[in-house]
Protein backbone atom coordinates (compact mmCIF):
# COMPACT_ATOMS: atom_id res chain seq x y z
CA MET A 1 107.10 32.64 3.85
CA ILE A 2 108.12 35.14 6.52
CA LEU A 3 111.63 36.59 6.38
CA VAL A 4 113.20 37.89 9.58
CA LEU A 5 116.20 40.19 9.40
CA GLY A 6 118.55 40.44 12.37
CA ALA A 7 117.60 37.02 13.72
CA THR A 8 120.69 36.87 15.94
CA GLY A 9 120.01 40.34 17.33
CA THR A 10 117.78 41.63 20.11
CA THR A 11 114.35 42.06 18.53
CA GLY A 12 114.99 39.88 15.48
CA GLY A 13 115.85 37.04 17.83
CA GLU A 14 112.61 37.55 19.72
CA VAL A 15 110.63 37.60 16.48
CA ALA A 16 112.33 34.43 15.23
CA ARG A 17 111.81 32.52 18.48
CA GLN A 18 108.21 33.59 18.89
CA LEU A 19 107.34 32.77 15.28
CA ILE A 20 108.77 29.29 15.77
CA GLN A 21 106.83 28.90 19.02
CA ALA A 22 103.70 29.88 17.10
CA GLY A 23 104.26 27.03 14.64
CA GLN A 24 105.86 29.01 11.82
CA LYS A 25 109.05 28.06 9.99
CA PRO A 26 110.46 31.47 9.02
CA ARG A 27 113.42 32.29 6.83
CA LEU A 28 116.17 33.94 8.87
CA LEU A 29 118.82 36.18 7.35
CA VAL A 30 122.07 36.08 9.33
CA ARG A 31 125.61 37.21 8.66
CA ASP A 32 127.14 34.32 10.57
CA ARG A 33 125.36 30.96 10.43
CA SER A 34 127.30 29.69 13.44
CA LYS A 35 125.45 32.20 15.62
CA ALA A 36 122.10 30.75 14.52
CA ARG A 37 122.68 27.13 15.53
CA SER A 38 119.73 27.18 17.93
CA TYR A 39 117.42 27.64 14.93
CA GLU A 40 118.74 24.69 12.91
CA GLY A 41 115.87 22.48 11.81
CA LYS A 42 113.30 25.00 13.03
CA ALA A 43 113.81 27.69 10.42
CA GLU A 44 115.31 28.22 6.98
CA ILE A 45 118.64 29.91 7.65
CA VAL A 46 120.32 31.95 4.92
CA GLU A 47 123.59 33.82 5.16
CA GLY A 48 123.75 37.28 3.68
CA ASP A 49 124.28 40.96 4.25
CA ILE A 50 121.67 43.64 3.62
CA GLU A 51 124.52 46.08 2.98
CA ARG A 52 125.16 44.17 -0.28
CA PRO A 53 122.12 44.88 -2.47
CA ASP A 54 123.19 42.27 -5.03
CA THR A 55 122.51 39.51 -2.48
CA LEU A 56 118.97 40.63 -1.67
CA PRO A 57 116.97 39.15 -4.59
CA SER A 58 117.87 35.56 -3.72
CA VAL A 59 117.25 36.15 -0.02
CA ILE A 60 113.81 37.72 -0.55
CA LYS A 61 112.61 35.45 -3.35
CA GLY A 62 109.34 33.76 -2.37
CA VAL A 63 108.86 35.89 0.73
CA GLU A 64 105.37 37.22 1.50
CA LYS A 65 106.06 39.06 4.76
CA LEU A 66 109.20 40.71 6.08
CA TYR A 67 110.43 41.88 9.47
CA LEU A 68 112.71 44.82 8.68
CA VAL A 69 115.34 45.86 11.22
CA VAL A 70 118.76 47.45 10.75
CA VAL A 71 121.47 48.60 13.14
CA PRO A 72 120.84 52.08 14.58
CA THR A 73 123.53 53.82 12.55
CA SER A 74 122.68 52.24 9.19
CA PRO A 75 122.15 54.80 6.44
CA VAL A 76 118.58 55.16 5.22
CA GLU A 77 119.82 53.86 1.87
CA ILE A 78 120.25 50.37 3.32
CA GLU A 79 116.59 50.15 4.37
CA SER A 80 115.66 51.69 1.03
CA ASN A 81 117.53 48.93 -0.78
CA VAL A 82 115.66 46.27 1.20
CA ILE A 83 112.31 47.96 0.55
CA ASP A 84 113.05 48.21 -3.18
CA ALA A 85 114.07 44.54 -3.31
CA ALA A 86 110.96 43.55 -1.37
CA LYS A 87 108.71 45.39 -3.78
CA LYS A 88 110.44 43.84 -6.78
CA ALA A 89 110.11 40.37 -5.28
CA GLY A 90 106.39 40.76 -4.63
CA VAL A 91 106.49 40.93 -0.82
CA LYS A 92 103.02 41.72 0.47
CA HIS A 93 103.66 43.20 3.90
CA VAL A 94 106.64 44.77 5.70
CA VAL A 95 106.76 45.15 9.47
CA LYS A 96 109.38 47.77 10.22
CA LEU A 97 111.16 48.27 13.52
CA SER A 98 111.27 52.02 13.91
CA VAL A 99 111.68 54.18 17.04
CA ILE A 100 109.49 56.27 19.29
CA GLY A 101 109.26 59.77 17.86
CA ALA A 102 109.67 58.78 14.21
CA ASP A 103 106.32 60.43 13.52
CA ARG A 104 107.65 63.66 15.09
CA PRO A 105 111.46 63.34 15.08
CA PHE A 106 113.45 65.27 17.65
CA GLU A 107 116.93 63.69 17.46
CA SER A 108 119.05 62.01 14.79
CA VAL A 109 117.89 58.41 15.25
CA SER A 110 114.21 59.32 15.03
CA GLU A 111 115.02 61.48 11.99
CA TRP A 112 116.68 58.50 10.26
CA HIS A 113 113.72 56.27 10.98
CA SER A 114 111.26 58.94 9.91
CA ALA A 115 112.92 59.02 6.49
CA ALA A 116 112.89 55.21 6.26
CA GLU A 117 109.21 55.11 7.26
CA ARG A 118 108.44 57.62 4.53
CA LYS A 119 110.26 55.45 1.99
CA LEU A 120 108.23 52.41 3.06
CA ARG A 121 104.91 54.27 2.95
CA GLU A 122 105.68 55.64 -0.51
CA SER A 123 106.73 52.21 -1.82
CA GLY A 124 103.16 51.00 -2.18
CA LEU A 125 103.87 47.97 0.03
CA ALA A 126 101.55 47.19 2.92
CA TRP A 127 103.29 48.18 6.16
CA THR A 128 103.15 48.16 9.94
CA MET A 129 105.41 50.44 12.00
CA LEU A 130 106.65 49.45 15.45
CA ARG A 131 108.02 52.45 17.35
CA PRO A 132 109.55 51.26 20.63
CA GLN A 133 110.86 53.27 23.55
CA HIS A 134 114.35 52.40 24.93
CA PHE A 135 114.80 48.62 25.30
CA MET A 136 114.98 47.15 28.81
CA SER A 137 117.87 45.05 27.51
CA ASN A 138 119.93 48.23 27.03
CA SER A 139 120.49 47.92 30.78
CA LEU A 140 122.86 45.05 30.03
CA GLY A 141 125.28 47.74 28.91
CA TRP A 142 125.56 48.72 32.57
CA ALA A 143 126.34 45.19 33.75
CA GLU A 144 130.13 45.39 33.69
CA THR A 145 130.38 48.38 36.01
CA ILE A 146 127.55 47.10 38.20
CA ARG A 147 129.48 43.87 38.69
CA SER A 148 132.80 45.61 39.32
CA GLN A 149 131.74 48.86 41.01
CA GLY A 150 128.11 48.47 42.04
CA ALA A 151 127.23 51.46 39.88
CA PHE A 152 126.42 52.62 36.37
CA TYR A 153 127.00 56.00 34.75
CA LEU A 154 124.70 58.03 32.48
CA PRO A 155 124.23 61.72 31.62
CA THR A 156 120.46 61.54 32.15
CA GLY A 157 119.98 63.35 35.48
CA GLU A 158 116.41 62.96 36.67
CA GLY A 159 115.07 62.23 33.18
CA ARG A 160 112.62 59.35 32.99
CA TRP A 161 111.81 56.78 30.34
CA ALA A 162 109.43 53.82 30.12
CA ALA A 163 111.71 51.08 28.79
CA VAL A 164 110.00 48.26 26.89
CA ASP A 165 110.83 44.56 27.08
CA PRO A 166 112.16 43.27 23.72
CA ALA A 167 109.88 40.27 24.20
CA ASP A 168 106.91 42.65 23.89
CA ILE A 169 108.37 44.13 20.71
CA GLY A 170 108.76 40.61 19.34
CA ALA A 171 105.18 39.76 20.27
CA ALA A 172 103.89 42.88 18.52
CA ALA A 173 105.87 41.99 15.39
CA VAL A 174 104.63 38.40 15.37
CA LYS A 175 101.02 39.55 15.63
CA ALA A 176 101.56 41.94 12.73
CA LEU A 177 103.24 39.24 10.64
CA THR A 178 100.70 36.48 11.27
CA GLU A 179 97.31 38.10 11.80
CA PRO A 180 95.15 40.04 9.32
CA GLY A 181 94.18 43.66 9.74
CA GLN A 182 97.59 44.99 10.77
CA GLU A 183 98.34 46.84 7.56
CA GLY A 184 98.68 50.61 7.82
CA LYS A 185 98.98 50.61 11.61
CA ALA A 186 101.71 52.18 13.75
CA TYR A 187 102.28 51.22 17.37
CA THR A 188 104.34 53.25 19.82
CA LEU A 189 105.60 50.65 22.30
CA THR A 190 106.58 51.52 25.87
CA GLY A 191 106.81 49.79 29.18
CA PRO A 192 104.15 50.39 31.84
CA GLU A 193 105.96 53.06 33.86
CA PRO A 194 108.49 55.85 33.30
CA LEU A 195 111.47 55.59 35.65
CA SER A 196 114.56 57.67 36.28
CA ALA A 197 117.99 56.06 36.17
CA ALA A 198 118.04 56.13 39.98
CA GLN A 199 114.76 54.20 40.01
CA TYR A 200 116.11 51.66 37.53
CA ALA A 201 119.11 51.29 39.84
CA ALA A 202 116.83 50.60 42.80
CA LYS A 203 114.93 47.94 40.89
CA LEU A 204 118.16 46.26 39.75
CA SER A 205 119.39 46.34 43.34
CA SER A 206 116.26 44.52 44.47
CA ALA A 207 116.52 41.95 41.69
CA ILE A 208 120.19 41.05 42.21
CA GLY A 209 120.35 41.41 45.97
CA LYS A 210 123.14 43.97 46.19
CA PRO A 211 123.25 47.78 46.12
CA VAL A 212 123.30 49.43 42.70
CA LYS A 213 123.99 53.14 42.40
CA PHE A 214 123.29 55.50 39.52
CA VAL A 215 125.92 58.18 38.94
CA ASP A 216 124.94 61.18 36.82
CA VAL A 217 127.88 62.24 34.63
CA PRO A 218 128.50 65.04 32.13
CA PRO A 219 127.93 64.20 28.45
CA GLU A 220 131.66 64.70 27.79
CA ALA A 221 132.52 61.95 30.27
CA ALA A 222 129.94 59.65 28.71
CA ARG A 223 131.39 60.31 25.25
CA GLU A 224 134.90 59.52 26.46
CA GLY A 225 133.75 56.24 27.98
CA MET A 226 131.89 55.19 24.84
CA MET A 227 134.82 56.00 22.58
CA LYS A 228 137.23 54.08 24.83
CA SER A 229 134.92 51.06 24.63
CA GLY A 230 135.36 51.03 20.86
CA MET A 231 131.99 52.38 19.78
CA PRO A 232 132.05 54.01 16.34
CA ALA A 233 131.73 57.79 16.44
CA PRO A 234 128.34 57.92 14.61
CA LEU A 235 126.85 55.56 17.19
CA VAL A 236 128.30 57.61 20.05
CA ASP A 237 126.79 60.79 18.62
CA ALA A 238 123.42 59.10 18.17
CA LEU A 239 123.39 57.70 21.69
CA LEU A 240 124.36 61.03 23.22
CA GLY A 241 121.49 62.65 21.35
CA ILE A 242 119.08 60.09 22.78
CA LEU A 243 120.49 60.54 26.29
CA ALA A 244 120.22 64.33 26.05
CA ALA A 245 116.59 63.99 24.96
CA THR A 246 116.00 61.61 27.85
CA LYS A 247 117.40 64.11 30.35
CA THR A 248 115.04 66.83 29.12
CA GLY A 249 111.96 64.60 29.40
CA LYS A 250 111.36 63.84 25.72
CA TYR A 251 110.92 60.12 26.49
CA ASP A 252 108.87 60.58 29.66
CA THR A 253 105.73 58.99 28.26
CA VAL A 254 103.66 55.82 28.52
CA THR A 255 101.43 54.47 25.75
CA ASP A 256 98.99 51.60 25.37
CA GLY A 257 100.78 50.44 22.22
CA VAL A 258 101.79 47.02 23.55
CA LEU A 259 98.22 46.34 24.68
CA LYS A 260 96.81 47.41 21.31
CA ALA A 261 99.40 45.44 19.34
CA THR A 262 99.41 42.22 21.38
CA GLY A 263 96.22 42.19 23.43
CA ARG A 264 98.05 42.12 26.75
CA ARG A 265 99.74 44.60 29.05
CA PRO A 266 103.49 45.23 28.76
CA ARG A 267 105.95 43.45 31.00
CA THR A 268 107.48 45.42 33.86
CA PHE A 269 111.14 46.22 34.41
CA ASP A 270 110.94 44.26 37.68
CA ASP A 271 110.06 41.16 35.65
CA TRP A 272 112.87 41.76 33.18
CA ALA A 273 115.42 42.42 35.96
CA ARG A 274 114.53 39.19 37.75
CA ARG A 275 114.88 37.18 34.54
CA ASN A 276 118.25 38.73 33.76
CA ALA A 277 119.66 39.13 37.28
CA ALA A 278 122.53 36.71 36.64
CA ALA A 279 124.05 39.04 34.05
CA PHE A 280 124.62 41.63 36.78
CA ARG A 281 126.03 39.16 39.30
CA GLU A 282 128.32 36.88 37.34
CA SER A 283 131.78 37.45 35.95
CA ALA A 284 131.93 38.89 32.45
CA ALA A 285 132.73 35.44 31.09
CA GLY A 286 129.58 33.98 32.61
CA ALA A 287 127.13 36.78 31.90
CA LYS A 288 124.30 36.12 29.50
CA SER A 289 122.63 38.52 27.10
């Protein structure tokens, strides 16, 4: 039995769908069963919350392999609780979604994941670490202002990053969960080319058929916008740290991690933008994630 956490989220959803496509019937942990209707009959769906350790034994019972993902601002203790429960339940292999830089942390999110990776390594469980670059799907956060203003706003200047398609992250996880020889490996996953925000804007413009402009803004303005949108302060601080690192070139790198993990080259942002063009054209009510 394979257990997938976060099955209604970005990478967990990819892992769940691709496991099902591969002929597996995974167990999916979700907080709200109504959001997992598309999996009915194709997977074992269980409701629960990893922030409640008392619920974990029943969720993990009988599981051999686990896809471990938590929200970016989750305390390390939450992942630790899952790892402890997995070890107690006899799980054989944990595939952890980490972040690029967790092996050499340089901002708060990579520091959090570095600590969680250390906990997993020291647990004695077999493990595989997936360390992705920024997700291409993060661009959906720009959709509202692109639709209304033809622009998006970031404090990244000319900084570049090689965003990775969540579908490639899902494919790497599925390989690790279903094929032998993945234990003890760590893959840093990036897209095929580092681009500046202005270059991402140009590619979105081409995909949706209307001009898209990138506007560089001060970090203070970005913070104000995030707070007004309702983001919790810890998440705002974490995102600003990532954006500052992006501006200074810390994410300006390309790896062959997707190729090594999946056997094929990573998808391009042009491909992703074409597949998701409608989200940047339609009204907010009609946009798809």
